[in-house]
Amino acid sequence: MNRRRRRASDHGEFHQDERWLITYADMITLLLALFIVLYALSDTNVRKFTAFAQSVASAFNVDVFQGEQAITVTSGQQTVPDTNPLNAGSGAMAADLQTIQATLMDFAVRNGAEKQLSVDRVPDGIAIRISDALLFSSGRATLDDRSRALLQRVVAAVLPLPNLLRIEGHTDDQQPNGPFYTDNWSLSADRAIAVLQAMVVSGISPARLAAAGYGEYHPLVANTDDASRLRNRRVDVLVLYTNSSEQSPAPDAFAPPSSSVGGIP
């Protein structure tokens, strides 16, 4: 009798006190499925979330992220949320700024161009500043394959946004070298148009774009030495966040600095 029991236990006889293993295995399987679903849903659109938070804040007249005194039905005032998609507010602009910086500065670091490419916040919105050395030969306005690869990365950063874009060409205070250009107005304007055309080829709608040539009249720093002149020779791609009525491209694409088309200070 004892031998039979031993043989049965040797062959893995099921015991009633081991039933909990089935429940435990089912629970682990369900938890694994839950975590997989949560991971699949974890991709957050920062821009949409920020715009939603601002709409709620505007509707209820409170700061969503920093609690303030509650407003009752009798004491509150009616407010209408800003629904302009081109002017979603500083929160959306900050989210876009971080996204563009992450996209372009990674490219700059991998190509050793950290000092020649920058993304800054300016009064009109976001400025992607590209040194002319990354785009053009001295005194020329023709893009090469390396330049187009960089502009494709810029297009990838701004294509998902609804904002209008303005491409601005800038030079230093020295006259152009070589036989192709005799003044900085023409050089800066042609460079801006060359970048605009490359962005159109890469998928940006022409209706979103405008070009402006500012010559040497909107420097970032004083043209006191070669290093400062190098900073001033650039093409700026501006992502505009002003009102839609102010974002329409100017009829005269190449307006002088005294016109209503604002440049980079």
Protein backbone atom coordinates (compact mmCIF):
# COMPACT_ATOMS: atom_id res chain seq x y z
CA MET A 1 0.00 0.00 0.00
CA ASN A 2 2.79 2.41 0.95
CA ARG A 3 4.62 1.55 -2.26
CA ARG A 4 1.56 2.42 -4.35
CA ARG A 5 1.23 5.82 -2.63
CA ARG A 6 4.92 6.52 -3.14
CA ARG A 7 4.68 5.64 -6.81
CA ALA A 8 1.65 7.90 -7.25
CA SER A 9 3.45 10.84 -5.60
CA ASP A 10 6.55 10.19 -7.72
CA HIS A 11 4.45 10.70 -10.86
CA GLY A 12 3.27 14.19 -9.74
CA GLU A 13 -0.10 13.44 -8.18
CA PHE A 14 -2.20 16.65 -7.93
CA HIS A 15 -2.88 17.92 -4.41
CA GLN A 16 -5.87 20.05 -3.41
CA ASP A 17 -3.67 22.52 -1.52
CA GLU A 18 -1.92 23.51 -4.81
CA ARG A 19 -5.06 24.99 -6.44
CA TRP A 20 -3.88 28.52 -5.67
CA LEU A 21 -1.20 28.13 -8.34
CA ILE A 22 -3.84 28.23 -11.08
CA THR A 23 -5.35 31.46 -9.73
CA TYR A 24 -1.91 32.98 -9.30
CA ALA A 25 -0.89 32.12 -12.87
CA ASP A 26 -4.10 33.65 -14.23
CA MET A 27 -3.51 36.84 -12.24
CA ILE A 28 0.06 37.18 -13.54
CA THR A 29 -1.16 36.71 -17.12
CA LEU A 30 -3.82 39.41 -16.68
CA LEU A 31 -1.33 41.82 -15.14
CA LEU A 32 1.06 41.29 -18.03
CA ALA A 33 -1.73 42.04 -20.52
CA LEU A 34 -2.67 45.17 -18.54
CA PHE A 35 0.90 46.50 -18.55
CA ILE A 36 1.19 45.88 -22.29
CA VAL A 37 -1.99 47.89 -22.93
CA LEU A 38 -0.81 50.71 -20.64
CA TYR A 39 2.54 50.84 -22.41
CA ALA A 40 0.82 51.02 -25.79
CA LEU A 41 -1.24 53.99 -24.57
CA SER A 42 1.68 55.83 -22.97
CA ASP A 43 2.59 57.97 -26.02
CA THR A 44 1.37 61.42 -24.91
CA ASN A 45 0.92 64.26 -27.39
CA VAL A 46 2.38 67.15 -25.36
CA ARG A 47 1.04 69.84 -27.67
CA LYS A 48 -2.56 68.53 -27.56
CA PHE A 49 -2.43 68.04 -23.79
CA THR A 50 -1.13 71.58 -23.24
CA ALA A 51 -3.76 73.07 -25.54
CA PHE A 52 -6.46 71.10 -23.69
CA ALA A 53 -5.18 72.30 -20.31
CA GLN A 54 -5.20 75.90 -21.49
CA SER A 55 -8.75 75.58 -22.84
CA VAL A 56 -9.91 74.23 -19.47
CA ALA A 57 -8.06 77.01 -17.65
CA SER A 58 -9.65 79.65 -19.88
CA ALA A 59 -13.14 78.15 -19.54
CA PHE A 60 -13.03 77.95 -15.74
CA ASN A 61 -10.79 80.99 -15.21
CA VAL A 62 -8.35 79.01 -13.07
CA ASP A 63 -4.83 77.74 -13.49
CA VAL A 64 -5.01 74.02 -14.14
CA PHE A 65 -1.46 73.33 -12.99
CA GLN A 66 -1.36 75.71 -10.01
CA GLY A 67 -4.48 75.66 -7.85
CA GLU A 68 -6.25 78.95 -7.24
CA GLN A 69 -9.35 80.06 -5.39
CA ALA A 70 -12.45 78.31 -6.70
CA ILE A 71 -15.01 80.38 -8.61
CA THR A 72 -18.66 79.70 -7.90
CA VAL A 73 -21.60 80.12 -10.25
CA THR A 74 -22.57 83.40 -8.62
CA SER A 75 -19.09 84.90 -8.26
CA GLY A 76 -17.47 83.64 -11.45
CA GLN A 77 -17.33 85.54 -14.69
CA GLN A 78 -18.02 84.19 -18.13
CA THR A 79 -14.97 83.59 -20.25
CA VAL A 80 -14.61 82.28 -23.78
CA PRO A 81 -11.64 79.98 -24.51
CA ASP A 82 -9.24 80.98 -27.25
CA THR A 83 -9.81 78.50 -30.06
CA ASN A 84 -7.28 79.95 -32.51
CA PRO A 85 -5.07 76.94 -33.44
CA LEU A 86 -2.24 79.23 -34.56
CA ASN A 87 -2.10 80.97 -31.20
CA ALA A 88 -2.53 78.15 -28.71
CA GLY A 89 -0.61 80.08 -26.05
CA SER A 90 2.78 80.05 -24.44
CA GLY A 91 2.28 76.49 -23.18
CA ALA A 92 1.86 75.08 -26.69
CA MET A 93 4.77 77.20 -27.90
CA ALA A 94 6.97 75.88 -25.10
CA ALA A 95 6.05 72.30 -26.00
CA ASP A 96 6.81 72.95 -29.67
CA LEU A 97 10.09 74.62 -28.74
CA GLN A 98 11.21 71.56 -26.80
CA THR A 99 10.21 69.22 -29.62
CA ILE A 100 12.04 71.26 -32.28
CA GLN A 101 15.12 71.60 -30.08
CA ALA A 102 15.22 67.87 -29.41
CA THR A 103 14.92 67.08 -33.12
CA LEU A 104 17.47 69.56 -34.45
CA MET A 105 20.05 69.70 -31.67
CA ASP A 106 20.44 65.93 -31.78
CA PHE A 107 21.26 66.31 -35.48
CA ALA A 108 23.64 69.20 -34.70
CA VAL A 109 25.54 67.24 -32.04
CA ARG A 110 25.95 64.20 -34.28
CA ASN A 111 27.30 66.42 -37.08
CA GLY A 112 29.47 68.70 -34.95
CA ALA A 113 27.36 71.78 -35.70
CA GLU A 114 26.25 72.81 -32.20
CA LYS A 115 27.60 76.36 -32.64
CA GLN A 116 26.11 76.78 -36.12
CA LEU A 117 22.54 75.72 -35.43
CA SER A 118 20.27 77.01 -32.66
CA VAL A 119 16.59 77.10 -31.74
CA ASP A 120 15.49 80.20 -29.82
CA ARG A 121 12.28 81.79 -28.63
CA VAL A 122 11.70 85.24 -30.14
CA PRO A 123 8.82 87.77 -29.96
CA ASP A 124 7.19 86.37 -33.12
CA GLY A 125 7.49 82.72 -32.05
CA ILE A 126 10.34 80.23 -32.51
CA ALA A 127 13.46 80.95 -34.59
CA ILE A 128 15.52 78.14 -36.10
CA ARG A 129 18.83 79.87 -36.81
CA ILE A 130 21.14 78.21 -39.34
CA SER A 131 24.63 79.52 -40.03
CA ASP A 132 25.28 80.27 -43.70
CA ALA A 133 28.31 77.98 -43.51
CA LEU A 134 25.94 75.00 -43.13
CA LEU A 135 23.96 75.96 -46.22
CA PHE A 136 25.96 77.95 -48.74
CA SER A 137 29.41 78.61 -50.10
CA SER A 138 30.78 82.11 -49.62
CA GLY A 139 28.96 84.62 -51.81
CA ARG A 140 26.61 81.96 -53.24
CA ALA A 141 22.92 81.11 -52.82
CA THR A 142 22.96 77.52 -54.14
CA LEU A 143 22.19 74.57 -51.87
CA ASP A 144 24.16 71.32 -52.06
CA ASP A 145 23.19 67.80 -50.94
CA ARG A 146 24.50 68.36 -47.40
CA SER A 147 22.43 71.53 -47.08
CA ARG A 148 19.29 69.78 -48.33
CA ALA A 149 19.76 66.98 -45.79
CA LEU A 150 19.81 69.56 -43.00
CA LEU A 151 16.72 71.32 -44.35
CA GLN A 152 14.88 67.99 -44.54
CA ARG A 153 15.47 67.64 -40.81
CA VAL A 154 14.11 71.17 -40.29
CA VAL A 155 11.04 70.28 -42.36
CA ALA A 156 10.49 67.14 -40.26
CA ALA A 157 10.48 69.32 -37.12
CA VAL A 158 7.98 71.93 -38.37
CA LEU A 159 5.77 69.94 -40.77
CA PRO A 160 3.34 68.66 -38.07
CA LEU A 161 2.69 72.22 -36.82
CA PRO A 162 -0.17 74.36 -38.22
CA ASN A 163 1.80 77.64 -37.95
CA LEU A 164 2.89 79.86 -40.80
CA LEU A 165 6.63 80.04 -41.48
CA ARG A 166 8.84 82.93 -42.54
CA ILE A 167 12.34 82.35 -43.94
CA GLU A 168 14.72 85.27 -43.41
CA GLY A 169 18.11 85.73 -45.02
CA HIS A 170 20.78 87.74 -43.14
CA THR A 171 24.35 88.77 -43.95
CA ASP A 172 27.16 90.62 -42.21
CA ASP A 173 28.27 94.17 -43.04
CA GLN A 174 30.86 93.10 -45.62
CA GLN A 175 30.13 93.18 -49.33
CA PRO A 176 29.75 89.74 -50.99
CA ASN A 177 32.85 88.08 -52.40
CA GLY A 178 32.88 86.79 -55.95
CA PRO A 179 31.18 87.68 -59.21
CA PHE A 180 27.65 86.48 -58.42
CA TYR A 181 26.40 89.23 -56.07
CA THR A 182 27.34 92.85 -55.58
CA ASP A 183 25.06 93.70 -52.63
CA ASN A 184 23.82 91.99 -49.50
CA TRP A 185 20.14 92.63 -50.27
CA SER A 186 20.16 90.35 -53.29
CA LEU A 187 22.32 87.71 -51.59
CA SER A 188 20.15 87.49 -48.47
CA ALA A 189 16.93 87.45 -50.51
CA ASP A 190 18.12 84.71 -52.88
CA ARG A 191 19.31 82.59 -49.96
CA ALA A 192 15.92 82.89 -48.26
CA ILE A 193 14.16 81.91 -51.50
CA ALA A 194 16.51 78.94 -51.99
CA VAL A 195 15.65 77.63 -48.52
CA LEU A 196 11.93 78.25 -49.13
CA GLN A 197 12.00 76.30 -52.40
CA ALA A 198 13.85 73.40 -50.76
CA MET A 199 11.24 73.25 -47.99
CA VAL A 200 8.43 73.20 -50.56
CA VAL A 201 10.10 70.27 -52.33
CA SER A 202 10.36 68.50 -48.96
CA GLY A 203 6.63 68.76 -48.32
CA ILE A 204 5.81 72.15 -46.76
CA SER A 205 2.76 73.80 -48.32
CA PRO A 206 3.70 77.00 -50.18
CA ALA A 207 0.69 78.70 -48.56
CA ARG A 208 2.47 78.48 -45.19
CA LEU A 209 5.69 80.11 -46.38
CA ALA A 210 7.07 83.59 -46.95
CA ALA A 211 10.62 84.77 -47.62
CA ALA A 212 12.42 87.97 -46.65
CA GLY A 213 15.92 89.30 -47.27
CA TYR A 214 17.28 91.70 -44.64
CA GLY A 215 20.87 92.11 -45.77
CA GLU A 216 23.12 93.29 -42.93
CA TYR A 217 20.45 95.37 -41.18
CA HIS A 218 19.25 92.89 -38.54
CA PRO A 219 22.44 91.56 -36.92
CA LEU A 220 22.34 89.40 -33.81
CA VAL A 221 25.52 91.09 -32.52
CA ALA A 222 27.64 94.04 -33.60
CA ASN A 223 29.88 93.30 -36.60
CA THR A 224 33.10 93.95 -34.72
CA ASP A 225 35.18 90.91 -35.69
CA ASP A 226 35.14 87.71 -37.73
CA ALA A 227 33.39 85.72 -34.98
CA SER A 228 30.53 88.21 -34.71
CA ARG A 229 30.18 88.44 -38.49
CA LEU A 230 29.97 84.65 -38.62
CA ARG A 231 27.03 84.73 -36.18
CA ASN A 232 25.22 87.33 -38.25
CA ARG A 233 25.51 85.43 -41.53
CA ARG A 234 22.54 83.11 -41.22
CA VAL A 235 19.13 82.00 -42.43
CA ASP A 236 16.33 82.07 -39.86
CA VAL A 237 13.25 79.87 -40.17
CA LEU A 238 10.57 81.49 -38.00
CA VAL A 239 7.61 79.50 -36.68
CA LEU A 240 5.04 82.26 -36.17
CA TYR A 241 2.67 82.38 -33.19
CA THR A 242 0.99 85.76 -33.72
CA ASN A 243 -2.69 86.20 -34.61
CA SER A 244 -3.80 84.70 -37.90
CA SER A 245 -4.46 88.18 -39.34
CA GLU A 246 -0.86 89.12 -38.62
CA GLN A 247 0.56 85.86 -39.96
CA SER A 248 -0.54 86.27 -43.56
CA PRO A 249 2.51 86.56 -45.83
CA ALA A 250 3.21 90.13 -46.83
CA PRO A 251 2.41 90.99 -50.47
CA ASP A 252 5.97 92.25 -50.84
CA ALA A 253 8.03 89.22 -49.77
CA PHE A 254 11.25 91.22 -49.67
CA ALA A 255 10.25 94.17 -47.53
CA PRO A 256 12.80 96.67 -46.16
CA PRO A 257 13.42 96.74 -42.40
CA SER A 258 11.18 99.79 -41.95
CA SER A 259 8.10 97.86 -43.16
CA SER A 260 5.54 96.06 -41.02
CA VAL A 261 7.30 92.71 -41.52
CA GLY A 262 9.31 92.23 -38.34
CA GLY A 263 12.79 90.79 -38.36
CA ILE A 264 14.92 89.17 -35.71
CA PRO A 265 16.30 91.84 -33.32
